[in-house]
């Protein structure tokens, strides 16, 4: 999906379903719906997204521990 009048550099690959809203001036593979990013960055972000539930659980646990520690100081 390409939106508007933009320039796409040579040696650019855009994955299916990727929304391109500005010119791509660097060669490479771009992936994502919105916003697009380099393929390597997209892969890294996708790996993080798969771990969000576990990360959120750990943050809640740590916030609880921190709250208890702060209450103990008063």
PDB file of N, CA and C in Angstrom:
ATOM      1  N   UNK A   1       0.842  -1.166   0.000  1.00  0.00           N
ATOM      2  CA  UNK A   1       0.000   0.000   0.000  1.00  0.00           C
ATOM      3  C   UNK A   1       0.891   1.233   0.000  1.00  0.00           C
ATOM      4  N   UNK A   2       0.773   2.038  -1.019  1.00  0.00           N
ATOM      5  CA  UNK A   2       1.588   3.240  -1.147  1.00  0.00           C
ATOM      6  C   UNK A   2       0.654   4.434  -1.188  1.00  0.00           C
ATOM      7  N   UNK A   3       0.897   5.404  -0.315  1.00  0.00           N
ATOM      8  CA  UNK A   3       0.024   6.557  -0.156  1.00  0.00           C
ATOM      9  C   UNK A   3       0.719   7.808  -0.676  1.00  0.00           C
ATOM     10  N   UNK A   4       0.182   8.401  -1.711  1.00  0.00           N
ATOM     11  CA  UNK A   4       0.687   9.673  -2.215  1.00  0.00           C
ATOM     12  C   UNK A   4       1.771   9.515  -3.254  1.00  0.00           C
ATOM     13  N   UNK A   5       2.322  10.641  -3.643  1.00  0.00           N
ATOM     14  CA  UNK A   5       3.397  10.678  -4.634  1.00  0.00           C
ATOM     15  C   UNK A   5       4.722  10.657  -3.894  1.00  0.00           C
ATOM     16  N   UNK A   6       5.375   9.507  -3.911  1.00  0.00           N
ATOM     17  CA  UNK A   6       6.621   9.346  -3.174  1.00  0.00           C
ATOM     18  C   UNK A   6       7.679   8.741  -4.080  1.00  0.00           C
ATOM     19  N   UNK A   7       8.903   8.758  -3.614  1.00  0.00           N
ATOM     20  CA  UNK A   7      10.024   8.160  -4.326  1.00  0.00           C
ATOM     21  C   UNK A   7      10.476   6.928  -3.556  1.00  0.00           C
ATOM     22  N   UNK A   8      10.728   5.850  -4.287  1.00  0.00           N
ATOM     23  CA  UNK A   8      11.241   4.626  -3.671  1.00  0.00           C
ATOM     24  C   UNK A   8      12.571   4.310  -4.325  1.00  0.00           C
ATOM     25  N   UNK A   9      13.611   4.193  -3.507  1.00  0.00           N
ATOM     26  CA  UNK A   9      14.964   3.939  -3.992  1.00  0.00           C
ATOM     27  C   UNK A   9      15.055   2.570  -4.650  1.00  0.00           C
ATOM     28  N   UNK A  10      16.104   2.381  -5.431  1.00  0.00           N
ATOM     29  CA  UNK A  10      16.387   1.063  -5.991  1.00  0.00           C
ATOM     30  C   UNK A  10      16.694   0.089  -4.861  1.00  0.00           C
ATOM     31  N   UNK A  11      16.481  -1.189  -5.119  1.00  0.00           N
ATOM     32  CA  UNK A  11      16.794  -2.272  -4.174  1.00  0.00           C
ATOM     33  C   UNK A  11      15.996  -2.157  -2.884  1.00  0.00           C
ATOM     34  N   UNK A  12      14.738  -1.750  -3.006  1.00  0.00           N
ATOM     35  CA  UNK A  12      13.819  -1.693  -1.874  1.00  0.00           C
ATOM     36  C   UNK A  12      12.798  -2.800  -2.047  1.00  0.00           C
ATOM     37  N   UNK A  13      12.557  -3.541  -0.969  1.00  0.00           N
ATOM     38  CA  UNK A  13      11.507  -4.548  -0.934  1.00  0.00           C
ATOM     39  C   UNK A  13      10.525  -4.127   0.143  1.00  0.00           C
ATOM     40  N   UNK A  14       9.239  -4.136  -0.192  1.00  0.00           N
ATOM     41  CA  UNK A  14       8.194  -3.785   0.760  1.00  0.00           C
ATOM     42  C   UNK A  14       7.342  -5.025   0.977  1.00  0.00           C
ATOM     43  N   UNK A  15       7.236  -5.460   2.231  1.00  0.00           N
ATOM     44  CA  UNK A  15       6.446  -6.649   2.554  1.00  0.00           C
ATOM     45  C   UNK A  15       4.966  -6.392   2.319  1.00  0.00           C
ATOM     46  N   UNK A  16       4.249  -7.443   2.034  1.00  0.00           N
ATOM     47  CA  UNK A  16       2.807  -7.346   1.778  1.00  0.00           C
ATOM     48  C   UNK A  16       2.091  -6.697   2.947  1.00  0.00           C
ATOM     49  N   UNK A  17       1.147  -5.809   2.645  1.00  0.00           N
ATOM     50  CA  UNK A  17       0.346  -5.161   3.667  1.00  0.00           C
ATOM     51  C   UNK A  17       1.015  -3.973   4.333  1.00  0.00           C
ATOM     52  N   UNK A  18       2.227  -3.644   3.935  1.00  0.00           N
ATOM     53  CA  UNK A  18       2.948  -2.533   4.544  1.00  0.00           C
ATOM     54  C   UNK A  18       2.443  -1.212   3.972  1.00  0.00           C
ATOM     55  N   UNK A  19       2.150  -0.277   4.837  1.00  0.00           N
ATOM     56  CA  UNK A  19       1.686   1.046   4.425  1.00  0.00           C
ATOM     57  C   UNK A  19       2.885   1.975   4.328  1.00  0.00           C
ATOM     58  N   UNK A  20       3.152   2.476   3.126  1.00  0.00           N
ATOM     59  CA  UNK A  20       4.259   3.399   2.894  1.00  0.00           C
ATOM     60  C   UNK A  20       3.666   4.789   2.714  1.00  0.00           C
ATOM     61  N   UNK A  21       4.032   5.712   3.620  1.00  0.00           N
ATOM     62  CA  UNK A  21       3.455   7.053   3.595  1.00  0.00           C
ATOM     63  C   UNK A  21       4.484   8.144   3.306  1.00  0.00           C
ATOM     64  N   UNK A  22       5.756   7.761   3.154  1.00  0.00           N
ATOM     65  CA  UNK A  22       6.765   8.751   2.788  1.00  0.00           C
ATOM     66  C   UNK A  22       7.829   8.057   1.942  1.00  0.00           C
ATOM     67  N   UNK A  23       8.660   8.833   1.305  1.00  0.00           N
ATOM     68  CA  UNK A  23       9.670   8.278   0.407  1.00  0.00           C
ATOM     69  C   UNK A  23      10.641   7.373   1.152  1.00  0.00           C
ATOM     70  N   UNK A  24      11.062   6.319   0.466  1.00  0.00           N
ATOM     71  CA  UNK A  24      12.073   5.399   0.987  1.00  0.00           C
ATOM     72  C   UNK A  24      13.363   5.677   0.229  1.00  0.00           C
ATOM     73  N   UNK A  25      14.316   6.289   0.892  1.00  0.00           N
ATOM     74  CA  UNK A  25      15.539   6.711   0.217  1.00  0.00           C
ATOM     75  C   UNK A  25      16.695   5.751   0.417  1.00  0.00           C
ATOM     76  N   UNK A  26      16.535   4.783   1.313  1.00  0.00           N
ATOM     77  CA  UNK A  26      17.592   3.807   1.589  1.00  0.00           C
ATOM     78  C   UNK A  26      17.170   2.429   1.107  1.00  0.00           C
ATOM     79  N   UNK A  27      18.071   1.699   0.448  1.00  0.00           N
ATOM     80  CA  UNK A  27      17.740   0.333   0.049  1.00  0.00           C
ATOM     81  C   UNK A  27      17.491  -0.543   1.275  1.00  0.00           C
ATOM     82  N   UNK A  28      16.699  -1.559   1.116  1.00  0.00           N
ATOM     83  CA  UNK A  28      16.430  -2.480   2.211  1.00  0.00           C
ATOM     84  C   UNK A  28      15.031  -3.038   2.116  1.00  0.00           C
ATOM     85  N   UNK A  29      14.674  -3.830   3.113  1.00  0.00           N
ATOM     86  CA  UNK A  29      13.352  -4.422   3.198  1.00  0.00           C
ATOM     87  C   UNK A  29      12.593  -3.715   4.302  1.00  0.00           C
ATOM     88  N   UNK A  30      11.364  -3.298   4.010  1.00  0.00           N
ATOM     89  CA  UNK A  30      10.532  -2.571   4.961  1.00  0.00           C
ATOM     90  C   UNK A  30       9.271  -3.374   5.232  1.00  0.00           C
ATOM     91  N   UNK A  31       8.884  -3.442   6.521  1.00  0.00           N
ATOM     92  CA  UNK A  31       7.781  -4.283   6.942  1.00  0.00           C
ATOM     93  C   UNK A  31       6.953  -3.552   7.990  1.00  0.00           C
ATOM     94  N   UNK A  32       5.668  -3.763   7.989  1.00  0.00           N
ATOM     95  CA  UNK A  32       4.797  -3.221   9.021  1.00  0.00           C
ATOM     96  C   UNK A  32       3.606  -2.528   8.411  1.00  0.00           C
ATOM     97  N   UNK A  33       2.560  -2.400   9.199  1.00  0.00           N
ATOM     98  CA  UNK A  33       1.367  -1.741   8.705  1.00  0.00           C
ATOM     99  C   UNK A  33       1.499  -0.244   8.925  1.00  0.00           C
ATOM    100  N   UNK A  34       1.701   0.175  10.147  1.00  0.00           N
ATOM    101  CA  UNK A  34       1.903   1.589  10.420  1.00  0.00           C
ATOM    102  C   UNK A  34       2.515   1.740  11.789  1.00  0.00           C
ATOM    103  N   UNK A  35       3.557   2.459  11.963  1.00  0.00           N
ATOM    104  CA  UNK A  35       4.399   3.013  10.906  1.00  0.00           C
ATOM    105  C   UNK A  35       5.355   1.954  10.382  1.00  0.00           C
ATOM    106  N   UNK A  36       5.801   2.110   9.156  1.00  0.00           N
ATOM    107  CA  UNK A  36       6.750   1.159   8.594  1.00  0.00           C
ATOM    108  C   UNK A  36       8.123   1.392   9.212  1.00  0.00           C
ATOM    109  N   UNK A  37       8.959   0.396   9.136  1.00  0.00           N
ATOM    110  CA  UNK A  37      10.328   0.501   9.631  1.00  0.00           C
ATOM    111  C   UNK A  37      11.181  -0.476   8.842  1.00  0.00           C
ATOM    112  N   UNK A  38      12.477  -0.441   9.104  1.00  0.00           N
ATOM    113  CA  UNK A  38      13.329  -1.415   8.427  1.00  0.00           C
ATOM    114  C   UNK A  38      12.903  -2.812   8.880  1.00  0.00           C
ATOM    115  N   UNK A  39      13.153  -3.801   8.050  1.00  0.00           N
ATOM    116  CA  UNK A  39      12.741  -5.167   8.356  1.00  0.00           C
ATOM    117  C   UNK A  39      13.402  -5.655   9.639  1.00  0.00           C
ATOM    118  N   UNK A  40      14.682  -5.373   9.845  1.00  0.00           N
ATOM    119  CA  UNK A  40      15.389  -5.818  11.050  1.00  0.00           C
ATOM    120  C   UNK A  40      14.758  -5.217  12.298  1.00  0.00           C
ATOM    121  N   UNK A  41      14.424  -3.932  12.248  1.00  0.00           N
ATOM    122  CA  UNK A  41      13.792  -3.294  13.402  1.00  0.00           C
ATOM    123  C   UNK A  41      12.408  -3.890  13.632  1.00  0.00           C
ATOM    124  N   UNK A  42      11.669  -4.170  12.555  1.00  0.00           N
ATOM    125  CA  UNK A  42      10.352  -4.770  12.678  1.00  0.00           C
ATOM    126  C   UNK A  42      10.447  -6.137  13.347  1.00  0.00           C
ATOM    127  N   UNK A  43      11.428  -6.949  12.930  1.00  0.00           N
ATOM    128  CA  UNK A  43      11.601  -8.273  13.534  1.00  0.00           C
ATOM    129  C   UNK A  43      11.877  -8.162  15.032  1.00  0.00           C
ATOM    130  N   UNK A  44      12.731  -7.205  15.410  1.00  0.00           N
ATOM    131  CA  UNK A  44      13.050  -7.008  16.822  1.00  0.00           C
ATOM    132  C   UNK A  44      11.800  -6.586  17.592  1.00  0.00           C
ATOM    133  N   UNK A  45      11.034  -5.646  17.039  1.00  0.00           N
ATOM    134  CA  UNK A  45       9.809  -5.203  17.699  1.00  0.00           C
ATOM    135  C   UNK A  45       8.787  -6.332  17.794  1.00  0.00           C
ATOM    136  N   UNK A  46       8.672  -7.142  16.754  1.00  0.00           N
ATOM    137  CA  UNK A  46       7.735  -8.269  16.780  1.00  0.00           C
ATOM    138  C   UNK A  46       8.097  -9.241  17.896  1.00  0.00           C
ATOM    139  N   UNK A  47       9.391  -9.472  18.100  1.00  0.00           N
ATOM    140  CA  UNK A  47       9.832 -10.349  19.191  1.00  0.00           C
ATOM    141  C   UNK A  47       9.441  -9.749  20.541  1.00  0.00           C
ATOM    142  N   UNK A  48       9.565  -8.445  20.678  1.00  0.00           N
ATOM    143  CA  UNK A  48       9.183  -7.792  21.930  1.00  0.00           C
ATOM    144  C   UNK A  48       7.674  -7.857  22.155  1.00  0.00           C
ATOM    145  N   UNK A  49       6.900  -7.675  21.111  1.00  0.00           N
ATOM    146  CA  UNK A  49       5.440  -7.718  21.235  1.00  0.00           C
ATOM    147  C   UNK A  49       4.992  -9.078  21.760  1.00  0.00           C
ATOM    148  N   UNK A  50       5.645 -10.137  21.305  1.00  0.00           N
ATOM    149  CA  UNK A  50       5.272 -11.480  21.765  1.00  0.00           C
ATOM    150  C   UNK A  50       5.525 -11.654  23.257  1.00  0.00           C
ATOM    151  N   UNK A  51       6.361 -10.814  23.857  1.00  0.00           N
ATOM    152  CA  UNK A  51       6.706 -10.944  25.272  1.00  0.00           C
ATOM    153  C   UNK A  51       6.013  -9.905  26.157  1.00  0.00           C
ATOM    154  N   UNK A  52       5.103  -9.107  25.609  1.00  0.00           N
ATOM    155  CA  UNK A  52       4.490  -8.021  26.372  1.00  0.00           C
ATOM    156  C   UNK A  52       3.705  -8.497  27.585  1.00  0.00           C
ATOM    157  N   UNK A  53       2.961  -9.584  27.484  1.00  0.00           N
ATOM    158  CA  UNK A  53       2.191 -10.064  28.637  1.00  0.00           C
ATOM    159  C   UNK A  53       3.110 -10.396  29.806  1.00  0.00           C
ATOM    160  N   UNK A  54       4.174 -11.108  29.539  1.00  0.00           N
ATOM    161  CA  UNK A  54       5.128 -11.466  30.588  1.00  0.00           C
ATOM    162  C   UNK A  54       5.808 -10.221  31.153  1.00  0.00           C
ATOM    163  N   UNK A  55       6.173  -9.298  30.303  1.00  0.00           N
ATOM    164  CA  UNK A  55       6.808  -8.063  30.747  1.00  0.00           C
ATOM    165  C   UNK A  55       5.857  -7.255  31.631  1.00  0.00           C
ATOM    166  N   UNK A  56       4.600  -7.149  31.232  1.00  0.00           N
ATOM    167  CA  UNK A  56       3.617  -6.414  32.032  1.00  0.00           C
ATOM    168  C   UNK A  56       3.439  -7.063  33.397  1.00  0.00           C
ATOM    169  N   UNK A  57       3.406  -8.389  33.444  1.00  0.00           N
ATOM    170  CA  UNK A  57       3.285  -9.100  34.727  1.00  0.00           C
ATOM    171  C   UNK A  57       4.474  -8.790  35.618  1.00  0.00           C
ATOM    172  N   UNK A  58       5.672  -8.819  35.053  1.00  0.00           N
ATOM    173  CA  UNK A  58       6.886  -8.538  35.836  1.00  0.00           C
ATOM    174  C   UNK A  58       6.910  -7.095  36.338  1.00  0.00           C
ATOM    175  N   UNK A  59       6.464  -6.156  35.524  1.00  0.00           N
ATOM    176  CA  UNK A  59       6.429  -4.749  35.945  1.00  0.00           C
ATOM    177  C   UNK A  59       5.461  -4.580  37.111  1.00  0.00           C
ATOM    178  N   UNK A  60       4.281  -5.177  37.014  1.00  0.00           N
ATOM    179  CA  UNK A  60       3.305  -5.090  38.117  1.00  0.00           C
ATOM    180  C   UNK A  60       3.904  -5.661  39.401  1.00  0.00           C
ATOM    181  N   UNK A  61       4.585  -6.791  39.285  1.00  0.00           N
ATOM    182  CA  UNK A  61       5.204  -7.413  40.457  1.00  0.00           C
ATOM    183  C   UNK A  61       6.267  -6.493  41.059  1.00  0.00           C
ATOM    184  N   UNK A  62       7.106  -5.928  40.219  1.00  0.00           N
ATOM    185  CA  UNK A  62       8.155  -5.031  40.706  1.00  0.00           C
ATOM    186  C   UNK A  62       7.570  -3.756  41.312  1.00  0.00           C
ATOM    187  N   UNK A  63       6.513  -3.224  40.706  1.00  0.00           N
ATOM    188  CA  UNK A  63       5.858  -2.040  41.268  1.00  0.00           C
ATOM    189  C   UNK A  63       5.283  -2.362  42.652  1.00  0.00           C
ATOM    190  N   UNK A  64       4.718  -3.546  42.790  1.00  0.00           N
ATOM    191  CA  UNK A  64       4.196  -3.955  44.092  1.00  0.00           C
ATOM    192  C   UNK A  64       5.294  -4.049  45.128  1.00  0.00           C
ATOM    193  N   UNK A  65       6.420  -4.633  44.756  1.00  0.00           N
ATOM    194  CA  UNK A  65       7.556  -4.725  45.683  1.00  0.00           C
ATOM    195  C   UNK A  65       8.074  -3.344  46.049  1.00  0.00           C
ATOM    196  N   UNK A  66       8.179  -2.458  45.069  1.00  0.00           N
ATOM    197  CA  UNK A  66       8.665  -1.107  45.304  1.00  0.00           C
ATOM    198  C   UNK A  66       7.709  -0.354  46.222  1.00  0.00           C
ATOM    199  N   UNK A  67       6.417  -0.501  45.993  1.00  0.00           N
ATOM    200  CA  UNK A  67       5.426   0.153  46.849  1.00  0.00           C
ATOM    201  C   UNK A  67       5.537  -0.313  48.282  1.00  0.00           C
ATOM    202  N   UNK A  68       5.702  -1.606  48.484  1.00  0.00           N
ATOM    203  CA  UNK A  68       5.855  -2.153  49.836  1.00  0.00           C
ATOM    204  C   UNK A  68       7.128  -1.616  50.493  1.00  0.00           C
ATOM    205  N   UNK A  69       8.219  -1.550  49.730  1.00  0.00           N
ATOM    206  CA  UNK A  69       9.490  -1.058  50.269  1.00  0.00           C
ATOM    207  C   UNK A  69       9.363   0.415  50.646  1.00  0.00           C
ATOM    208  N   UNK A  70       8.685   1.213  49.807  1.00  0.00           N
ATOM    209  CA  UNK A  70       8.521   2.640  50.104  1.00  0.00           C
ATOM    210  C   UNK A  70       7.623   2.856  51.324  1.00  0.00           C
ATOM    211  N   UNK A  71       6.582   2.051  51.445  1.00  0.00           N
ATOM    212  CA  UNK A  71       5.702   2.176  52.608  1.00  0.00           C
ATOM    213  C   UNK A  71       6.429   1.798  53.886  1.00  0.00           C
ATOM    214  N   UNK A  72       7.362   0.898  53.794  1.00  0.00           N
ATOM    215  CA  UNK A  72       8.144   0.477  54.960  1.00  0.00           C
ATOM    216  C   UNK A  72       9.114   1.525  55.457  1.00  0.00           C
ATOM    217  N   UNK A  73       9.438   2.503  54.604  1.00  0.00           N
ATOM    218  CA  UNK A  73      10.381   3.563  54.977  1.00  0.00           C
ATOM    219  C   UNK A  73       9.729   4.651  55.805  1.00  0.00           C
ATOM    220  N   UNK A  74       8.402   4.774  55.731  1.00  0.00           N
ATOM    221  CA  UNK A  74       7.726   5.886  56.428  1.00  0.00           C
ATOM    222  C   UNK A  74       7.431   5.565  57.859  1.00  0.00           C
TER     223      UNK A  74
END
